[in-house]
C-alpha atoms as a PDB file:
ATOM      1  CA  MET A   1      -2.099  75.200 -52.906  1.00  0.00           C
ATOM      2  CA  LYS A   2      -2.756  77.987 -50.070  1.00  0.00           C
ATOM      3  CA  ASN A   3      -1.001  80.970 -49.637  1.00  0.00           C
ATOM      4  CA  PHE A   4       0.624  80.286 -53.868  1.00  0.00           C
ATOM      5  CA  ALA A   5       3.302  83.143 -53.579  1.00  0.00           C
ATOM      6  CA  TRP A   6       4.335  85.909 -56.614  1.00  0.00           C
ATOM      7  CA  GLY A   7       6.673  87.833 -57.084  1.00  0.00           C
ATOM      8  CA  ILE A   8       6.061  90.911 -59.355  1.00  0.00           C
ATOM      9  CA  ALA A   9       8.648  92.205 -62.023  1.00  0.00           C
ATOM     10  CA  ALA A  10       8.389  95.648 -61.769  1.00  0.00           C
ATOM     11  CA  THR A  11       6.304  98.483 -60.600  1.00  0.00           C
ATOM     12  CA  GLY A  12       4.397 100.090 -63.306  1.00  0.00           C
ATOM     13  CA  VAL A  13       0.859 100.713 -63.632  1.00  0.00           C
ATOM     14  CA  ILE A  14      -0.257  97.214 -64.790  1.00  0.00           C
ATOM     15  CA  ALA A  15       2.654  95.533 -61.915  1.00  0.00           C
ATOM     16  CA  LYS A  16       0.057  97.500 -59.195  1.00  0.00           C
ATOM     17  CA  ARG A  17      -3.106  96.270 -60.738  1.00  0.00           C
ATOM     18  CA  VAL A  18      -2.504  92.930 -61.208  1.00  0.00           C
ATOM     19  CA  GLY A  19      -0.826  93.038 -57.705  1.00  0.00           C
ATOM     20  CA  THR A  20      -3.607  94.294 -56.139  1.00  0.00           C
ATOM     21  CA  VAL A  21      -5.661  91.377 -57.669  1.00  0.00           C
ATOM     22  CA  ILE A  22      -3.177  88.945 -56.655  1.00  0.00           C
ATOM     23  CA  ALA A  23      -3.234  90.085 -52.328  1.00  0.00           C
ATOM     24  CA  ALA A  24      -7.677  89.863 -52.822  1.00  0.00           C
ATOM     25  CA  GLU A  25      -7.672  86.349 -54.435  1.00  0.00           C
ATOM     26  CA  PRO A  26      -8.099  83.775 -51.640  1.00  0.00           C
ATOM     27  CA  GLY A  27      -4.988  81.628 -51.494  1.00  0.00           C
ATOM     28  CA  MET A  28      -2.916  84.105 -53.078  1.00  0.00           C
ATOM     29  CA  ARG A  29      -0.296  86.466 -51.701  1.00  0.00           C
ATOM     30  CA  VAL A  30       2.698  88.623 -53.662  1.00  0.00           C
ATOM     31  CA  ALA A  31       5.789  88.105 -51.818  1.00  0.00           C
ATOM     32  CA  ALA A  32       7.644  90.247 -53.527  1.00  0.00           C
ATOM     33  CA  VAL A  33       7.975  92.874 -55.635  1.00  0.00           C
ATOM     34  CA  GLY A  34      11.688  93.172 -57.885  1.00  0.00           C
ATOM     35  CA  SER A  35      12.454  96.520 -60.052  1.00  0.00           C
ATOM     36  CA  ARG A  36      15.920  98.746 -60.781  1.00  0.00           C
ATOM     37  CA  ASP A  37      14.367 100.881 -58.632  1.00  0.00           C
ATOM     38  CA  LEU A  38      14.828  99.317 -55.312  1.00  0.00           C
ATOM     39  CA  GLY A  39      13.019 102.525 -53.368  1.00  0.00           C
ATOM     40  CA  ARG A  40      10.292 101.757 -56.489  1.00  0.00           C
ATOM     41  CA  ALA A  41       9.843  98.458 -55.401  1.00  0.00           C
ATOM     42  CA  GLN A  42       9.916  98.632 -51.604  1.00  0.00           C
ATOM     43  CA  ALA A  43       7.020 101.315 -52.170  1.00  0.00           C
ATOM     44  CA  LEU A  44       5.215  98.630 -54.714  1.00  0.00           C
ATOM     45  CA  ALA A  45       5.563  96.068 -51.446  1.00  0.00           C
ATOM     46  CA  SER A  46       4.935  98.213 -48.822  1.00  0.00           C
ATOM     47  CA  GLU A  47       1.535  98.586 -51.096  1.00  0.00           C
ATOM     48  CA  LEU A  48       1.302  95.040 -51.521  1.00  0.00           C
ATOM     49  CA  GLY A  49       1.428  93.388 -48.138  1.00  0.00           C
ATOM     50  CA  ALA A  50       4.784  91.813 -50.035  1.00  0.00           C
ATOM     51  CA  GLU A  51       7.458  90.846 -47.589  1.00  0.00           C
ATOM     52  CA  SER A  52      10.404  91.541 -49.270  1.00  0.00           C
ATOM     53  CA  ALA A  53      11.620  94.145 -51.671  1.00  0.00           C
ATOM     54  CA  TYR A  54      14.388  93.794 -54.110  1.00  0.00           C
ATOM     55  CA  GLY A  55      16.545  96.103 -56.823  1.00  0.00           C
ATOM     56  CA  SER A  56      17.174  93.421 -59.537  1.00  0.00           C
ATOM     57  CA  TYR A  57      15.115  91.195 -61.580  1.00  0.00           C
ATOM     58  CA  GLU A  58      17.368  88.199 -60.580  1.00  0.00           C
ATOM     59  CA  GLN A  59      17.363  88.680 -56.726  1.00  0.00           C
ATOM     60  CA  LEU A  60      13.004  88.498 -57.214  1.00  0.00           C
ATOM     61  CA  CYS A  61      13.451  85.250 -59.491  1.00  0.00           C
ATOM     62  CA  ALA A  62      15.735  83.982 -57.029  1.00  0.00           C
ATOM     63  CA  ASP A  63      13.602  84.174 -53.945  1.00  0.00           C
ATOM     64  CA  PRO A  64      12.478  80.639 -52.143  1.00  0.00           C
ATOM     65  CA  ALA A  65       9.151  81.890 -50.945  1.00  0.00           C
ATOM     66  CA  VAL A  66       8.276  82.794 -55.003  1.00  0.00           C
ATOM     67  CA  ASP A  67       6.217  80.075 -56.366  1.00  0.00           C
ATOM     68  CA  ALA A  68       5.376  82.341 -60.095  1.00  0.00           C
ATOM     69  CA  VAL A  69       6.835  85.479 -61.143  1.00  0.00           C
ATOM     70  CA  TYR A  70       4.748  87.973 -63.230  1.00  0.00           C
ATOM     71  CA  VAL A  71       6.381  89.431 -66.314  1.00  0.00           C
ATOM     72  CA  ALA A  72       5.290  93.302 -65.787  1.00  0.00           C
ATOM     73  CA  THR A  73       8.110  95.546 -67.646  1.00  0.00           C
ATOM     74  CA  PRO A  74       8.441  96.753 -70.936  1.00  0.00           C
ATOM     75  CA  HIS A  75       7.752  94.586 -73.848  1.00  0.00           C
ATOM     76  CA  ALA A  76      12.075  94.107 -74.814  1.00  0.00           C
ATOM     77  CA  GLN A  77      12.591  93.274 -70.878  1.00  0.00           C
ATOM     78  CA  HIS A  78      10.148  90.854 -70.953  1.00  0.00           C
ATOM     79  CA  LEU A  79      12.792  87.952 -72.371  1.00  0.00           C
ATOM     80  CA  GLU A  80      15.631  89.346 -69.894  1.00  0.00           C
ATOM     81  CA  VAL A  81      12.981  88.731 -66.202  1.00  0.00           C
ATOM     82  CA  ALA A  82      11.277  85.651 -68.192  1.00  0.00           C
ATOM     83  CA  GLU A  83      14.777  83.541 -68.518  1.00  0.00           C
ATOM     84  CA  ALA A  84      15.781  84.592 -65.022  1.00  0.00           C
ATOM     85  CA  ALA A  85      12.281  83.440 -63.974  1.00  0.00           C
ATOM     86  CA  ILE A  86      12.694  79.987 -65.941  1.00  0.00           C
ATOM     87  CA  ALA A  87      16.610  79.482 -65.159  1.00  0.00           C
ATOM     88  CA  ALA A  88      14.926  79.677 -61.402  1.00  0.00           C
ATOM     89  CA  GLY A  89      12.248  76.943 -61.564  1.00  0.00           C
ATOM     90  CA  LYS A  90       9.680  79.867 -61.342  1.00  0.00           C
ATOM     91  CA  ALA A  91       6.461  79.566 -62.984  1.00  0.00           C
ATOM     92  CA  VAL A  92       5.889  81.989 -65.650  1.00  0.00           C
ATOM     93  CA  LEU A  93       2.955  84.553 -66.172  1.00  0.00           C
ATOM     94  CA  CYS A  94       4.395  87.570 -68.897  1.00  0.00           C
ATOM     95  CA  GLU A  95       2.296  90.221 -69.974  1.00  0.00           C
ATOM     96  CA  LYS A  96       0.855  90.653 -73.737  1.00  0.00           C
ATOM     97  CA  PRO A  97       3.119  90.327 -76.116  1.00  0.00           C
ATOM     98  CA  LEU A  98       5.043  87.394 -74.776  1.00  0.00           C
ATOM     99  CA  ALA A  99       8.025  89.513 -76.060  1.00  0.00           C
ATOM    100  CA  ALA A 100       9.130  92.204 -78.036  1.00  0.00           C
ATOM    101  CA  SER A 101       9.938  90.050 -81.300  1.00  0.00           C
ATOM    102  CA  ILE A 102       9.319  86.856 -82.788  1.00  0.00           C
ATOM    103  CA  ALA A 103      12.775  85.985 -82.006  1.00  0.00           C
ATOM    104  CA  ASP A 104      12.691  86.716 -78.103  1.00  0.00           C
ATOM    105  CA  ALA A 105       9.599  84.517 -77.968  1.00  0.00           C
ATOM    106  CA  GLU A 106      10.645  81.520 -79.682  1.00  0.00           C
ATOM    107  CA  ARG A 107      13.922  81.358 -77.378  1.00  0.00           C
ATOM    108  CA  MET A 108      11.394  82.142 -73.808  1.00  0.00           C
ATOM    109  CA  VAL A 109       9.530  79.525 -75.357  1.00  0.00           C
ATOM    110  CA  ARG A 110      11.845  77.006 -75.959  1.00  0.00           C
ATOM    111  CA  LEU A 111      13.570  77.567 -72.618  1.00  0.00           C
ATOM    112  CA  ALA A 112      10.375  76.895 -70.581  1.00  0.00           C
ATOM    113  CA  ARG A 113       9.950  73.576 -72.183  1.00  0.00           C
ATOM    114  CA  GLU A 114      13.680  72.227 -72.168  1.00  0.00           C
ATOM    115  CA  ALA A 115      12.917  73.240 -68.203  1.00  0.00           C
ATOM    116  CA  GLY A 116       9.830  71.738 -67.901  1.00  0.00           C
ATOM    117  CA  VAL A 117       8.371  75.181 -66.682  1.00  0.00           C
ATOM    118  CA  PHE A 118       5.350  77.006 -67.030  1.00  0.00           C
ATOM    119  CA  LEU A 119       4.780  80.236 -68.825  1.00  0.00           C
ATOM    120  CA  MET A 120       1.842  81.681 -70.303  1.00  0.00           C
ATOM    121  CA  GLU A 121       1.287  84.809 -71.673  1.00  0.00           C
ATOM    122  CA  ALA A 122      -0.647  87.210 -70.000  1.00  0.00           C
ATOM    123  CA  MET A 123      -3.572  87.318 -72.354  1.00  0.00           C
ATOM    124  CA  TRP A 124      -6.380  88.785 -70.141  1.00  0.00           C
ATOM    125  CA  MET A 125      -9.131  89.190 -72.734  1.00  0.00           C
ATOM    126  CA  ARG A 126      -9.280  85.094 -73.567  1.00  0.00           C
ATOM    127  CA  PHE A 127      -9.945  84.972 -69.364  1.00  0.00           C
ATOM    128  CA  ASN A 128     -12.753  87.239 -69.179  1.00  0.00           C
ATOM    129  CA  PRO A 129     -15.659  85.612 -69.056  1.00  0.00           C
ATOM    130  CA  LEU A 130     -17.899  86.930 -71.632  1.00  0.00           C
ATOM    131  CA  ILE A 131     -15.100  86.457 -73.778  1.00  0.00           C
ATOM    132  CA  GLN A 132     -15.148  82.980 -73.337  1.00  0.00           C
ATOM    133  CA  GLN A 133     -19.274  82.760 -73.502  1.00  0.00           C
ATOM    134  CA  VAL A 134     -18.541  84.308 -76.896  1.00  0.00           C
ATOM    135  CA  ALA A 135     -15.786  81.955 -77.806  1.00  0.00           C
ATOM    136  CA  ALA A 136     -17.947  78.999 -76.543  1.00  0.00           C
ATOM    137  CA  ASP A 137     -21.802  79.615 -77.347  1.00  0.00           C
ATOM    138  CA  PRO A 138     -22.886  76.791 -79.866  1.00  0.00           C
ATOM    139  CA  ARG A 139     -25.091  79.029 -81.011  1.00  0.00           C
ATOM    140  CA  PHE A 140     -23.339  81.693 -83.423  1.00  0.00           C
ATOM    141  CA  GLU A 141     -22.825  78.429 -85.619  1.00  0.00           C
ATOM    142  CA  GLU A 142     -20.808  79.336 -88.320  1.00  0.00           C
ATOM    143  CA  ILE A 143     -18.832  82.638 -87.194  1.00  0.00           C
ATOM    144  CA  ARG A 144     -18.052  84.356 -90.794  1.00  0.00           C
ATOM    145  CA  SER A 145     -16.646  87.601 -89.475  1.00  0.00           C
ATOM    146  CA  VAL A 146     -14.821  89.746 -86.764  1.00  0.00           C
ATOM    147  CA  GLN A 147     -14.038  93.250 -86.452  1.00  0.00           C
ATOM    148  CA  ALA A 148     -12.144  95.229 -83.869  1.00  0.00           C
ATOM    149  CA  SER A 149     -10.529  97.899 -83.164  1.00  0.00           C
ATOM    150  CA  PHE A 150      -8.187  99.653 -80.444  1.00  0.00           C
ATOM    151  CA  GLY A 151      -7.598 102.901 -80.834  1.00  0.00           C
ATOM    152  CA  PHE A 152      -6.297 106.190 -78.582  1.00  0.00           C
ATOM    153  CA  ARG A 153      -3.895 110.006 -78.806  1.00  0.00           C
ATOM    154  CA  SER A 154      -0.819 109.438 -77.793  1.00  0.00           C
ATOM    155  CA  PRO A 155       1.091 113.037 -77.994  1.00  0.00           C
ATOM    156  CA  TYR A 156       4.092 111.580 -79.829  1.00  0.00           C
ATOM    157  CA  ASP A 157       7.777 111.219 -78.062  1.00  0.00           C
ATOM    158  CA  PRO A 158       9.961 108.971 -78.864  1.00  0.00           C
ATOM    159  CA  ALA A 159      11.133 108.287 -75.485  1.00  0.00           C
ATOM    160  CA  HIS A 160       7.735 107.063 -74.722  1.00  0.00           C
ATOM    161  CA  ARG A 161       7.889 102.719 -74.733  1.00  0.00           C
ATOM    162  CA  LEU A 162       4.996 103.653 -77.205  1.00  0.00           C
ATOM    163  CA  TRP A 163       6.459 105.386 -79.792  1.00  0.00           C
ATOM    164  CA  ALA A 164      10.092 103.872 -78.603  1.00  0.00           C
ATOM    165  CA  PRO A 165      11.731 100.512 -80.857  1.00  0.00           C
ATOM    166  CA  GLU A 166      14.543  99.506 -78.049  1.00  0.00           C
ATOM    167  CA  LEU A 167      11.024  99.391 -75.792  1.00  0.00           C
ATOM    168  CA  GLY A 168       9.495  96.807 -77.784  1.00  0.00           C
ATOM    169  CA  GLY A 169       7.300 100.207 -79.290  1.00  0.00           C
ATOM    170  CA  GLY A 170       4.207 100.782 -82.059  1.00  0.00           C
ATOM    171  CA  ALA A 171       0.499 100.021 -81.932  1.00  0.00           C
ATOM    172  CA  LEU A 172       0.593  96.355 -83.652  1.00  0.00           C
ATOM    173  CA  LEU A 173       2.637  95.318 -80.639  1.00  0.00           C
ATOM    174  CA  ASP A 174       0.396  97.353 -77.904  1.00  0.00           C
ATOM    175  CA  LEU A 175      -2.955  97.624 -79.234  1.00  0.00           C
ATOM    176  CA  GLY A 176      -3.662  95.046 -82.258  1.00  0.00           C
ATOM    177  CA  VAL A 177      -2.383  92.252 -80.320  1.00  0.00           C
ATOM    178  CA  TYR A 178      -6.095  92.667 -78.658  1.00  0.00           C
ATOM    179  CA  SER A 179      -7.612  93.429 -82.129  1.00  0.00           C
ATOM    180  CA  PHE A 180      -5.964  90.436 -84.348  1.00  0.00           C
ATOM    181  CA  GLY A 181      -6.192  88.664 -80.735  1.00  0.00           C
ATOM    182  CA  LEU A 182      -9.487  88.163 -80.779  1.00  0.00           C
ATOM    183  CA  ALA A 183     -10.301  87.399 -84.407  1.00  0.00           C
ATOM    184  CA  GLN A 184      -7.031  84.256 -83.561  1.00  0.00           C
ATOM    185  CA  LEU A 185      -9.344  83.519 -80.741  1.00  0.00           C
ATOM    186  CA  LEU A 186     -12.654  83.076 -82.753  1.00  0.00           C
ATOM    187  CA  LEU A 187     -11.495  82.560 -86.446  1.00  0.00           C
ATOM    188  CA  GLY A 188      -7.778  80.495 -85.885  1.00  0.00           C
ATOM    189  CA  MET A 189      -4.381  81.814 -87.910  1.00  0.00           C
ATOM    190  CA  PRO A 190      -6.197  83.654 -90.969  1.00  0.00           C
ATOM    191  CA  GLU A 191      -4.880  82.716 -94.682  1.00  0.00           C
ATOM    192  CA  ARG A 192      -3.210  85.714 -96.271  1.00  0.00           C
ATOM    193  CA  ALA A 193      -3.261  89.224 -94.309  1.00  0.00           C
ATOM    194  CA  HIS A 194      -3.571  92.531 -96.527  1.00  0.00           C
ATOM    195  CA  VAL A 195      -2.434  95.606 -94.039  1.00  0.00           C
ATOM    196  CA  THR A 196      -1.984  98.963 -94.051  1.00  0.00           C
ATOM    197  CA  GLY A 197      -0.770 101.895 -91.736  1.00  0.00           C
ATOM    198  CA  SER A 198       2.195 104.627 -91.544  1.00  0.00           C
ATOM    199  CA  LEU A 199       5.105 104.815 -89.092  1.00  0.00           C
ATOM    200  CA  ALA A 200       6.093 107.238 -87.191  1.00  0.00           C
ATOM    201  CA  PRO A 201       9.185 109.337 -87.076  1.00  0.00           C
ATOM    202  CA  SER A 202      11.197 106.505 -84.641  1.00  0.00           C
ATOM    203  CA  GLY A 203      10.134 104.111 -86.855  1.00  0.00           C
ATOM    204  CA  VAL A 204       7.694 102.015 -84.801  1.00  0.00           C
ATOM    205  CA  ASP A 205       3.892 101.171 -86.324  1.00  0.00           C
ATOM    206  CA  ALA A 206       1.950 104.377 -85.501  1.00  0.00           C
ATOM    207  CA  GLU A 207      -1.235 103.015 -86.664  1.00  0.00           C
ATOM    208  CA  ALA A 208      -1.797  99.617 -88.433  1.00  0.00           C
ATOM    209  CA  GLY A 209      -5.184  98.120 -90.438  1.00  0.00           C
ATOM    210  CA  GLY A 210      -5.864  94.723 -92.334  1.00  0.00           C
ATOM    211  CA  VAL A 211      -7.857  92.539 -93.333  1.00  0.00           C
ATOM    212  CA  LEU A 212      -7.683  88.912 -92.523  1.00  0.00           C
ATOM    213  CA  VAL A 213      -8.412  85.850 -94.929  1.00  0.00           C
ATOM    214  CA  TYR A 214      -9.428  83.374 -93.661  1.00  0.00           C
ATOM    215  CA  PRO A 215     -11.077  79.801 -95.925  1.00  0.00           C
ATOM    216  CA  GLY A 216     -13.847  79.765 -97.592  1.00  0.00           C
ATOM    217  CA  GLY A 217     -14.623  83.727 -97.199  1.00  0.00           C
ATOM    218  CA  ARG A 218     -14.753  84.252 -93.356  1.00  0.00           C
ATOM    219  CA  ARG A 219     -12.669  87.368 -92.519  1.00  0.00           C
ATOM    220  CA  ALA A 220     -11.198  89.301 -89.627  1.00  0.00           C
ATOM    221  CA  LEU A 221     -11.568  93.632 -89.548  1.00  0.00           C
ATOM    222  CA  VAL A 222      -9.031  94.654 -87.483  1.00  0.00           C
ATOM    223  CA  GLU A 223      -7.191  97.768 -86.617  1.00  0.00           C
ATOM    224  CA  CYS A 224      -5.390  99.801 -83.846  1.00  0.00           C
ATOM    225  CA  SER A 225      -3.887 103.067 -83.792  1.00  0.00           C
ATOM    226  CA  LEU A 226      -1.628 105.284 -81.843  1.00  0.00           C
ATOM    227  CA  LEU A 227      -3.156 108.402 -83.396  1.00  0.00           C
ATOM    228  CA  GLY A 228      -6.637 108.992 -82.498  1.00  0.00           C
ATOM    229  CA  PRO A 229      -9.542 107.377 -80.817  1.00  0.00           C
ATOM    230  CA  TYR A 230     -11.392 104.502 -82.848  1.00  0.00           C
ATOM    231  CA  ALA A 231     -15.099 102.986 -80.900  1.00  0.00           C
ATOM    232  CA  ASN A 232     -12.684 100.197 -78.779  1.00  0.00           C
ATOM    233  CA  ASP A 233     -15.831  97.905 -79.358  1.00  0.00           C
ATOM    234  CA  ALA A 234     -15.931  94.828 -81.622  1.00  0.00           C
ATOM    235  CA  TYR A 235     -18.548  91.963 -83.911  1.00  0.00           C
ATOM    236  CA  VAL A 236     -19.023  88.712 -84.142  1.00  0.00           C
ATOM    237  CA  VAL A 237     -21.017  87.776 -87.205  1.00  0.00           C
ATOM    238  CA  GLY A 238     -21.825  83.867 -87.044  1.00  0.00           C
ATOM    239  CA  THR A 239     -24.702  82.242 -89.200  1.00  0.00           C
ATOM    240  CA  GLY A 240     -27.263  81.681 -86.133  1.00  0.00           C
ATOM    241  CA  MET A 241     -26.066  84.529 -83.603  1.00  0.00           C
ATOM    242  CA  ARG A 242     -24.640  88.198 -84.121  1.00  0.00           C
ATOM    243  CA  ALA A 243     -22.834  89.696 -80.375  1.00  0.00           C
ATOM    244  CA  ASP A 244     -21.726  93.190 -80.268  1.00  0.00           C
ATOM    245  CA  ILE A 245     -18.818  92.906 -77.369  1.00  0.00           C
ATOM    246  CA  LYS A 246     -19.123  96.661 -76.192  1.00  0.00           C
ATOM    247  CA  ALA A 247     -16.267  99.010 -75.351  1.00  0.00           C
ATOM    248  CA  PRO A 248     -13.376  97.810 -74.243  1.00  0.00           C
ATOM    249  CA  PHE A 249     -14.016  94.798 -75.970  1.00  0.00           C
ATOM    250  CA  TRP A 250     -10.730  93.112 -74.856  1.00  0.00           C
ATOM    251  CA  ALA A 251     -12.118  93.470 -71.685  1.00  0.00           C
ATOM    252  CA  PRO A 252     -16.198  94.006 -71.875  1.00  0.00           C
ATOM    253  CA  GLU A 253     -18.282  94.299 -69.146  1.00  0.00           C
ATOM    254  CA  ARG A 254     -21.409  93.796 -71.371  1.00  0.00           C
ATOM    255  CA  VAL A 255     -22.174  91.719 -75.368  1.00  0.00           C
ATOM    256  CA  VAL A 256     -25.504  92.044 -76.646  1.00  0.00           C
ATOM    257  CA  LEU A 257     -25.965  88.746 -78.152  1.00  0.00           C
ATOM    258  CA  SER A 258     -28.835  89.132 -81.492  1.00  0.00           C
ATOM    259  CA  GLY A 259     -30.271  86.089 -83.059  1.00  0.00           C
ATOM    260  CA  PRO A 260     -31.827  85.702 -86.347  1.00  0.00           C
ATOM    261  CA  SER A 261     -35.126  87.439 -86.019  1.00  0.00           C
ATOM    262  CA  MET A 262     -32.973  90.009 -84.167  1.00  0.00           C
ATOM    263  CA  GLU A 263     -34.264  89.136 -79.993  1.00  0.00           C
ATOM    264  CA  THR A 264     -31.379  90.367 -78.178  1.00  0.00           C
ATOM    265  CA  GLU A 265     -29.731  88.850 -74.823  1.00  0.00           C
ATOM    266  CA  GLU A 266     -27.383  90.872 -72.864  1.00  0.00           C
ATOM    267  CA  LEU A 267     -24.633  89.135 -70.780  1.00  0.00           C
ATOM    268  CA  VAL A 268     -23.221  91.645 -68.179  1.00  0.00           C
ATOM    269  CA  LEU A 269     -19.857  90.703 -66.489  1.00  0.00           C
ATOM    270  CA  ASP A 270     -19.973  89.585 -62.659  1.00  0.00           C
ATOM    271  CA  PRO A 271     -18.330  92.913 -60.918  1.00  0.00           C
ATOM    272  CA  ALA A 272     -16.354  90.916 -58.877  1.00  0.00           C
ATOM    273  CA  ASP A 273     -14.956  88.511 -61.799  1.00  0.00           C
ATOM    274  CA  ASN A 274     -12.149  90.175 -64.526  1.00  0.00           C
ATOM    275  CA  GLY A 275      -9.576  88.509 -66.912  1.00  0.00           C
ATOM    276  CA  TYR A 276      -6.668  89.077 -64.766  1.00  0.00           C
ATOM    277  CA  ALA A 277      -8.315  87.010 -61.734  1.00  0.00           C
ATOM    278  CA  GLY A 278      -8.709  84.332 -64.577  1.00  0.00           C
ATOM    279  CA  GLU A 279      -4.935  84.133 -65.496  1.00  0.00           C
ATOM    280  CA  VAL A 280      -4.101  84.245 -61.790  1.00  0.00           C
ATOM    281  CA  ARG A 281      -6.467  81.483 -61.098  1.00  0.00           C
ATOM    282  CA  GLU A 282      -5.013  80.052 -64.328  1.00  0.00           C
ATOM    283  CA  VAL A 283      -1.602  79.481 -63.345  1.00  0.00           C
ATOM    284  CA  ARG A 284      -2.264  78.142 -60.227  1.00  0.00           C
ATOM    285  CA  ALA A 285      -4.183  75.495 -61.295  1.00  0.00           C
ATOM    286  CA  ALA A 286      -1.713  74.623 -63.563  1.00  0.00           C
ATOM    287  CA  VAL A 287       1.869  74.358 -61.027  1.00  0.00           C
ATOM    288  CA  ALA A 288      -1.285  72.210 -58.783  1.00  0.00           C
ATOM    289  CA  GLN A 289      -1.938  70.019 -61.624  1.00  0.00           C
ATOM    290  CA  GLY A 290       2.177  69.899 -62.921  1.00  0.00           C
ATOM    291  CA  SER A 291       0.592  71.277 -66.408  1.00  0.00           C
ATOM    292  CA  LYS A 292       3.728  73.008 -68.392  1.00  0.00           C
ATOM    293  CA  GLU A 293       1.180  74.868 -70.677  1.00  0.00           C
ATOM    294  CA  SER A 294      -1.885  76.810 -70.567  1.00  0.00           C
ATOM    295  CA  ALA A 295      -5.293  74.783 -73.078  1.00  0.00           C
ATOM    296  CA  ILE A 296      -6.673  78.109 -72.745  1.00  0.00           C
ATOM    297  CA  MET A 297      -3.205  80.129 -74.021  1.00  0.00           C
ATOM    298  CA  PRO A 298      -1.350  77.691 -75.581  1.00  0.00           C
ATOM    299  CA  LEU A 299       2.246  78.719 -76.380  1.00  0.00           C
ATOM    300  CA  ASP A 300       2.311  77.783 -79.783  1.00  0.00           C
ATOM    301  CA  GLU A 301      -0.669  80.683 -80.428  1.00  0.00           C
ATOM    302  CA  SER A 302       1.354  83.149 -78.719  1.00  0.00           C
ATOM    303  CA  LEU A 303       4.123  82.708 -81.445  1.00  0.00           C
ATOM    304  CA  ALA A 304       1.894  82.401 -84.076  1.00  0.00           C
ATOM    305  CA  MET A 305       0.326  86.165 -82.709  1.00  0.00           C
ATOM    306  CA  MET A 306       3.941  87.499 -82.759  1.00  0.00           C
ATOM    307  CA  GLY A 307       4.503  85.783 -86.489  1.00  0.00           C
ATOM    308  CA  LEU A 308       1.380  87.700 -87.375  1.00  0.00           C
ATOM    309  CA  LEU A 309       2.178  90.901 -85.862  1.00  0.00           C
ATOM    310  CA  ALA A 310       5.974  91.431 -87.406  1.00  0.00           C
ATOM    311  CA  ASP A 311       3.907  90.085 -90.865  1.00  0.00           C
ATOM    312  CA  ALA A 312       1.640  92.950 -90.465  1.00  0.00           C
ATOM    313  CA  ARG A 313       4.229  94.877 -89.532  1.00  0.00           C
ATOM    314  CA  GLY A 314       6.752  94.409 -92.489  1.00  0.00           C
ATOM    315  CA  GLN A 315       3.900  95.257 -94.587  1.00  0.00           C
ATOM    316  CA  LEU A 316       4.918  98.754 -93.267  1.00  0.00           C
ATOM    317  CA  SER A 317       7.901  98.977 -94.096  1.00  0.00           C
END
C-alpha cells in the first residue's frame, strides 16, 4: 500500500517521535494531526509535513484521507479516541497500555472486533529486533527465569499524568507494562503474582515489585518505580543460554548472550531499525492483508496484561 496515511491523535513527545518515524518510513505519510488545542495540532502537522490539522479527535478520525489513527493521548483518553476511530472505520494503533482500566480495554477490543476494524496496542518492545531474536532463539531451550526493572525518579506532582489517577497515572501502567510485559512475552501469563509496593498521596502506585510464578518453578522478578533510578536492564535465563538485555531493556541496542561454557555473543541493533518502525509496518501490513489483529501483539494478550496489572495494583491497596 503506497502512501499509507496516518492520523496522529495528540501532540506530545511520543506523538512527535512516532510521527517522525512514520514520515520517514517509505510508503507512509502523516496526513493529519488532531488535538484539543488546534494551535498545537497545526504546529506538529507543519513539522511532520501533514496537510491537515484538527482541533478535535473526532474531526481527525473523520478525515477520509486517513487510513489509520495513532493514539498518543494520556492513558485515560485512549478509549475515547479509539472509539471515534473505530466508528469511522480507521485502523487503530494505540499507545501502551491499551487503556487506563481493564473495563476500558475490554470495551475497546469488543468495539473493534464487532466493527471488524484493526486494533493493536503500541508495545514497541515486541517489535524491537533484538527482543524478537531473544524470544525466538531455540538455544535458550527452557526459559526458567526473567528479571526486568524499570524505574526513575519523578518529582511528585499530583497534576502530572504520572501521578494523577484521573489521567491513568502510576508506575504499573506506565513502566510496569514493560517489565511485566517482557515476562509475559517470554513465559506467558503466570499462575499467580505476589506484589508489594507503595502508593502516592494521590492514590496511584508509586512503585511495585513482585514475583510472577509459573508452572514447574519458573519465575519472573519484575519491578517498576517512580521513586528512584533502577538499572533498567533485564536478564533471561534458560537451560541452554542466558541473555543480558542492556538498558533500556524495552528498547535495547545491545544484547549479550552467554552459552553453557560462558562463551559470549553480542547482538547489536541496526541503527536504521527500531520498535516504532516495526509497529507502523505491522499496521500497514495487516490492513493490506485484511487482518483485524496482530499476531505479534494479539489483543487477548493486551487484555491479559491489563488484568495482571490491575491485580498487581490491587495488592498494594
